[in-house]
């Protein structure tokens, strides 16, 4: 039988995973920002693609985070509701 988790442990694990997902999306934003700088003067098509990819990464980060949009009253309460804890 696998390990049983307490409500608090579940909340902590989900919060950590959420923060990890935000970091991944942010890392992609930074990657594409660097590409935009590289293509700034040389290749406008590649620059455009990098700008679009950066925007997608930004929207993903905002969607995961929610705090920047004021959508998150309290993360722990939302987790309890979403996962019926």
C-alpha atoms as a PDB file:
ATOM      1  CA  UNK A   1       0.000   0.000   0.000  1.00  0.00           C
ATOM      2  CA  UNK A   2       1.255   3.487  -0.863  1.00  0.00           C
ATOM      3  CA  UNK A   3       1.809   6.329   1.548  1.00  0.00           C
ATOM      4  CA  UNK A   4      -1.226   8.181   2.846  1.00  0.00           C
ATOM      5  CA  UNK A   5      -0.978  11.959   2.941  1.00  0.00           C
ATOM      6  CA  UNK A   6      -2.574  14.403   5.326  1.00  0.00           C
ATOM      7  CA  UNK A   7      -4.613  17.324   4.019  1.00  0.00           C
ATOM      8  CA  UNK A   8      -1.754  19.702   4.843  1.00  0.00           C
ATOM      9  CA  UNK A   9       0.774  17.518   2.999  1.00  0.00           C
ATOM     10  CA  UNK A  10      -1.468  17.448  -0.085  1.00  0.00           C
ATOM     11  CA  UNK A  11      -1.809  21.231  -0.029  1.00  0.00           C
ATOM     12  CA  UNK A  12       1.960  21.640   0.344  1.00  0.00           C
ATOM     13  CA  UNK A  13       2.652  19.234  -2.545  1.00  0.00           C
ATOM     14  CA  UNK A  14       0.142  20.916  -4.851  1.00  0.00           C
ATOM     15  CA  UNK A  15       1.485  24.358  -3.951  1.00  0.00           C
ATOM     16  CA  UNK A  16       5.052  23.245  -4.741  1.00  0.00           C
ATOM     17  CA  UNK A  17       3.973  21.808  -8.090  1.00  0.00           C
ATOM     18  CA  UNK A  18       2.140  25.013  -8.928  1.00  0.00           C
ATOM     19  CA  UNK A  19       5.225  27.067  -8.127  1.00  0.00           C
ATOM     20  CA  UNK A  20       7.336  24.698 -10.238  1.00  0.00           C
ATOM     21  CA  UNK A  21       4.974  25.114 -13.182  1.00  0.00           C
ATOM     22  CA  UNK A  22       5.156  28.916 -12.834  1.00  0.00           C
ATOM     23  CA  UNK A  23       8.965  28.721 -12.864  1.00  0.00           C
ATOM     24  CA  UNK A  24       8.965  26.548 -16.005  1.00  0.00           C
ATOM     25  CA  UNK A  25       6.712  29.017 -17.839  1.00  0.00           C
ATOM     26  CA  UNK A  26       8.888  31.903 -16.655  1.00  0.00           C
ATOM     27  CA  UNK A  27      12.029  30.127 -17.865  1.00  0.00           C
ATOM     28  CA  UNK A  28      10.459  29.813 -21.320  1.00  0.00           C
ATOM     29  CA  UNK A  29       9.659  33.541 -21.289  1.00  0.00           C
ATOM     30  CA  UNK A  30      13.303  34.342 -20.522  1.00  0.00           C
ATOM     31  CA  UNK A  31      14.510  31.949 -23.227  1.00  0.00           C
ATOM     32  CA  UNK A  32      12.367  33.622 -25.870  1.00  0.00           C
ATOM     33  CA  UNK A  33      13.344  37.088 -24.624  1.00  0.00           C
ATOM     34  CA  UNK A  34      16.970  36.163 -25.282  1.00  0.00           C
ATOM     35  CA  UNK A  35      16.024  34.911 -28.747  1.00  0.00           C
ATOM     36  CA  UNK A  36      14.191  38.167 -29.479  1.00  0.00           C
ATOM     37  CA  UNK A  37      17.376  40.066 -28.643  1.00  0.00           C
ATOM     38  CA  UNK A  38      19.457  37.808 -30.906  1.00  0.00           C
ATOM     39  CA  UNK A  39      17.091  38.199 -33.838  1.00  0.00           C
ATOM     40  CA  UNK A  40      16.459  41.894 -33.251  1.00  0.00           C
ATOM     41  CA  UNK A  41      18.461  43.072 -36.246  1.00  0.00           C
ATOM     42  CA  UNK A  42      19.148  39.939 -38.257  1.00  0.00           C
ATOM     43  CA  UNK A  43      16.015  37.906 -38.888  1.00  0.00           C
ATOM     44  CA  UNK A  44      12.622  39.547 -38.467  1.00  0.00           C
ATOM     45  CA  UNK A  45      10.715  36.301 -39.106  1.00  0.00           C
ATOM     46  CA  UNK A  46      12.542  34.470 -36.312  1.00  0.00           C
ATOM     47  CA  UNK A  47      12.132  37.516 -34.067  1.00  0.00           C
ATOM     48  CA  UNK A  48       8.374  37.485 -34.677  1.00  0.00           C
ATOM     49  CA  UNK A  49       8.181  33.765 -33.856  1.00  0.00           C
ATOM     50  CA  UNK A  50      10.164  34.294 -30.636  1.00  0.00           C
ATOM     51  CA  UNK A  51       7.847  37.169 -29.661  1.00  0.00           C
ATOM     52  CA  UNK A  52       4.793  34.979 -30.192  1.00  0.00           C
ATOM     53  CA  UNK A  53       6.305  32.121 -28.182  1.00  0.00           C
ATOM     54  CA  UNK A  54       7.195  34.520 -25.383  1.00  0.00           C
ATOM     55  CA  UNK A  55       3.607  35.775 -25.296  1.00  0.00           C
ATOM     56  CA  UNK A  56       2.263  32.222 -25.083  1.00  0.00           C
ATOM     57  CA  UNK A  57       4.629  31.458 -22.175  1.00  0.00           C
ATOM     58  CA  UNK A  58       3.525  34.682 -20.447  1.00  0.00           C
ATOM     59  CA  UNK A  59      -0.147  33.752 -20.777  1.00  0.00           C
ATOM     60  CA  UNK A  60       0.504  30.249 -19.463  1.00  0.00           C
ATOM     61  CA  UNK A  61       2.338  31.663 -16.445  1.00  0.00           C
ATOM     62  CA  UNK A  62      -0.496  34.094 -15.702  1.00  0.00           C
ATOM     63  CA  UNK A  63      -3.063  31.309 -16.059  1.00  0.00           C
ATOM     64  CA  UNK A  64      -1.189  29.060 -13.642  1.00  0.00           C
ATOM     65  CA  UNK A  65      -0.441  31.838 -11.188  1.00  0.00           C
ATOM     66  CA  UNK A  66      -3.785  33.633 -11.087  1.00  0.00           C
ATOM     67  CA  UNK A  67      -2.543  36.024  -8.411  1.00  0.00           C
ATOM     68  CA  UNK A  68      -1.568  38.645 -10.978  1.00  0.00           C
ATOM     69  CA  UNK A  69      -5.164  38.719 -12.204  1.00  0.00           C
ATOM     70  CA  UNK A  70      -6.587  38.848  -8.697  1.00  0.00           C
ATOM     71  CA  UNK A  71      -8.270  35.489  -9.223  1.00  0.00           C
ATOM     72  CA  UNK A  72      -6.860  33.797  -6.154  1.00  0.00           C
ATOM     73  CA  UNK A  73      -8.423  34.719  -2.825  1.00  0.00           C
ATOM     74  CA  UNK A  74      -6.490  32.069  -0.885  1.00  0.00           C
ATOM     75  CA  UNK A  75      -4.530  29.264  -2.532  1.00  0.00           C
ATOM     76  CA  UNK A  76      -5.088  26.722   0.241  1.00  0.00           C
ATOM     77  CA  UNK A  77      -8.851  27.305   0.273  1.00  0.00           C
ATOM     78  CA  UNK A  78      -8.989  26.949  -3.508  1.00  0.00           C
ATOM     79  CA  UNK A  79      -7.067  23.690  -3.376  1.00  0.00           C
ATOM     80  CA  UNK A  80      -9.472  22.355  -0.754  1.00  0.00           C
ATOM     81  CA  UNK A  81     -12.434  23.263  -2.959  1.00  0.00           C
ATOM     82  CA  UNK A  82     -10.895  21.957  -6.188  1.00  0.00           C
ATOM     83  CA  UNK A  83      -9.793  18.661  -4.684  1.00  0.00           C
ATOM     84  CA  UNK A  84     -12.711  18.290  -2.276  1.00  0.00           C
ATOM     85  CA  UNK A  85     -10.452  18.032   0.757  1.00  0.00           C
END
